[in-house]
Amino acid sequence: MSGQIEARLAAMGLALPPSAPSRALFLPGKITGNLLVLSGQICEWEGVPQYFGPIGAGFDIAIGQKAAQMCALNLLFSIKAVAGSLDRVSQVIRLGGFVASEPRYPDGPQIVNGASQLFIDLWGEAGRHARTAVNVASLPANALVEVEAMVELA
């Protein structure tokens, strides 16, 4: 069963992945009080990585933003799996984004905007969040991007 947020997602031409399998021994998310803390998700679809790093000068930022958006879709899958519905999210509190890049690559934060924009598009002002975006030497499965999140549940 889908709700308002999934309807907005569909109107954008997007859908939740059929699954978001874990690569290690951790939960997809954990609820404490009214907060849902979500484990990082890489840019994979049904367990198959789709975008790879590290990247360097001249990389197409739009491709990186698609990779970050894919991470966000996996996070949405985890929210639904743990909380039961995306409609339970009252606000997005924080995102942490990691971009696999060569040293001195300047556009990591622009790439993570792909995830941030999806949350803002889905929840409006309640989707605006605190954020960290950092470049790293490598990520699991040689992924280009990994994004973690914290949301407040109603």
Protein backbone atom coordinates (compact mmCIF):
# COMPACT_ATOMS: atom_id res chain seq x y z
CA MET A 1 0.00 0.00 0.00
CA SER A 2 1.35 3.40 -0.91
CA GLY A 3 0.63 6.80 0.57
CA GLN A 4 1.04 10.46 -0.23
CA ILE A 5 4.84 10.45 -0.36
CA GLU A 6 4.96 7.42 -2.64
CA ALA A 7 2.36 9.12 -4.87
CA ARG A 8 4.64 12.20 -5.09
CA LEU A 9 7.53 9.90 -5.94
CA ALA A 10 5.51 8.25 -8.72
CA ALA A 11 4.46 11.67 -10.06
CA MET A 12 8.18 12.45 -10.38
CA GLY A 13 8.65 9.27 -12.43
CA LEU A 14 10.52 7.53 -9.61
CA ALA A 15 9.83 4.42 -7.56
CA LEU A 16 11.20 2.66 -4.52
CA PRO A 17 13.61 -0.15 -5.30
CA PRO A 18 12.18 -3.67 -4.88
CA SER A 19 14.81 -4.30 -2.17
CA ALA A 20 17.82 -2.69 -0.51
CA PRO A 21 19.93 -5.56 0.83
CA SER A 22 22.58 -5.03 3.49
CA ARG A 23 26.23 -5.73 2.71
CA ALA A 24 27.26 -6.28 6.33
CA LEU A 25 26.04 -6.89 9.87
CA PHE A 26 23.87 -3.85 10.56
CA LEU A 27 20.24 -2.85 10.61
CA PRO A 28 18.84 -0.69 7.80
CA GLY A 29 17.60 1.69 10.48
CA LYS A 30 16.79 1.92 14.16
CA ILE A 31 14.05 3.86 15.90
CA THR A 32 14.79 5.60 19.19
CA GLY A 33 11.96 7.72 20.55
CA ASN A 34 10.56 9.54 17.53
CA LEU A 35 13.82 9.45 15.54
CA LEU A 36 14.70 6.94 12.85
CA VAL A 37 18.45 6.70 12.29
CA LEU A 38 19.20 5.16 8.90
CA SER A 39 22.33 3.27 7.92
CA GLY A 40 24.23 4.46 4.87
CA GLN A 41 23.04 3.31 1.46
CA ILE A 42 25.24 3.19 -1.62
CA CYS A 43 24.20 3.82 -5.22
CA GLU A 44 23.02 0.32 -6.01
CA TRP A 45 19.78 -1.16 -7.27
CA GLU A 46 18.67 -4.48 -5.77
CA GLY A 47 22.17 -5.08 -4.47
CA VAL A 48 23.95 -4.32 -7.76
CA PRO A 49 26.18 -1.21 -7.72
CA GLN A 50 25.37 1.21 -10.55
CA TYR A 51 27.84 4.12 -10.23
CA PHE A 52 31.51 3.80 -9.38
CA GLY A 53 34.30 5.97 -7.98
CA PRO A 54 36.67 7.47 -7.46
CA ILE A 55 35.97 10.44 -9.66
CA GLY A 56 38.07 13.44 -10.58
CA ALA A 57 38.17 16.67 -12.52
CA GLY A 58 35.76 16.87 -15.42
CA PHE A 59 33.27 14.38 -13.97
CA ASP A 60 29.66 15.10 -14.98
CA ILE A 61 28.01 16.34 -11.77
CA ALA A 62 24.54 15.41 -13.10
CA ILE A 63 25.60 11.74 -13.20
CA GLY A 64 26.86 12.01 -9.64
CA GLN A 65 23.56 13.57 -8.56
CA LYS A 66 21.70 10.59 -10.09
CA ALA A 67 23.92 8.30 -8.03
CA ALA A 68 23.10 10.27 -4.87
CA GLN A 69 19.40 10.18 -5.75
CA MET A 70 19.65 6.38 -6.02
CA CYS A 71 21.13 6.32 -2.51
CA ALA A 72 18.15 8.39 -1.35
CA LEU A 73 15.70 5.96 -2.98
CA ASN A 74 17.37 3.14 -1.06
CA LEU A 75 17.01 5.19 2.12
CA LEU A 76 13.31 5.64 1.35
CA PHE A 77 12.99 1.86 1.00
CA SER A 78 14.61 1.51 4.44
CA ILE A 79 12.29 4.11 5.97
CA LYS A 80 9.27 2.22 4.70
CA ALA A 81 10.69 -1.14 5.82
CA VAL A 82 11.46 0.08 9.35
CA ALA A 83 8.68 2.63 9.98
CA GLY A 84 5.94 1.00 7.90
CA SER A 85 5.18 4.05 5.74
CA LEU A 86 6.95 7.06 4.28
CA ASP A 87 3.97 9.10 5.44
CA ARG A 88 5.17 8.66 9.04
CA VAL A 89 8.10 11.02 8.37
CA SER A 90 7.33 14.42 9.85
CA GLN A 91 10.67 15.93 8.88
CA VAL A 92 14.11 15.05 7.58
CA ILE A 93 16.65 15.98 10.25
CA ARG A 94 20.05 15.20 8.73
CA LEU A 95 21.86 13.66 5.77
CA GLY A 96 25.47 12.57 5.63
CA GLY A 97 26.91 12.14 2.16
CA PHE A 98 30.17 10.54 1.08
CA VAL A 99 31.64 10.84 -2.42
CA ALA A 100 34.51 8.64 -3.63
CA SER A 101 36.88 11.04 -5.35
CA GLU A 102 40.44 11.88 -6.13
CA PRO A 103 42.16 14.29 -3.72
CA ARG A 104 41.14 17.94 -4.12
CA TYR A 105 37.95 17.14 -6.05
CA PRO A 106 35.85 20.27 -5.34
CA ASP A 107 32.29 19.22 -6.21
CA GLY A 108 31.39 16.48 -3.71
CA PRO A 109 28.71 18.65 -2.04
CA GLN A 110 27.10 19.33 -5.44
CA ILE A 111 26.84 15.59 -6.02
CA VAL A 112 25.20 14.97 -2.63
CA ASN A 113 22.61 17.58 -3.64
CA GLY A 114 21.01 14.78 -5.68
CA ALA A 115 19.91 13.13 -2.44
CA SER A 116 19.04 16.38 -0.67
CA GLN A 117 16.88 17.58 -3.55
CA LEU A 118 14.80 14.40 -3.54
CA PHE A 119 13.94 14.81 0.14
CA ILE A 120 13.07 18.47 -0.38
CA ASP A 121 10.92 17.60 -3.40
CA LEU A 122 9.04 14.95 -1.41
CA TRP A 123 8.55 16.76 1.92
CA GLY A 124 8.90 20.45 1.02
CA GLU A 125 10.23 22.56 3.89
CA ALA A 126 10.06 19.52 6.19
CA GLY A 127 12.53 17.86 3.81
CA ARG A 128 15.20 20.54 4.36
CA HIS A 129 17.89 19.16 6.63
CA ALA A 130 21.27 19.61 8.24
CA ARG A 131 23.97 17.92 6.17
CA THR A 132 27.56 16.87 5.90
CA ALA A 133 29.11 16.09 2.51
CA VAL A 134 32.66 14.79 2.40
CA ASN A 135 34.96 13.29 -0.18
CA VAL A 136 36.57 9.94 0.65
CA ALA A 137 39.15 7.68 -0.98
CA SER A 138 36.78 4.72 -1.42
CA LEU A 139 33.37 3.33 -0.50
CA PRO A 140 31.92 -0.21 -0.25
CA ALA A 141 31.69 -2.03 -3.61
CA ASN A 142 33.71 0.82 -5.14
CA ALA A 143 30.50 2.89 -5.09
CA LEU A 144 30.57 6.53 -6.13
CA VAL A 145 28.24 7.78 -3.35
CA GLU A 146 26.91 6.69 0.04
CA VAL A 147 24.24 8.59 1.97
CA GLU A 148 22.96 8.14 5.53
CA ALA A 149 20.02 9.93 7.15
CA MET A 150 18.06 10.71 10.28
CA VAL A 151 14.33 11.46 10.14
CA GLU A 152 11.69 12.35 12.70
CA LEU A 153 8.59 10.16 12.80
CA ALA A 154 5.07 11.31 13.63
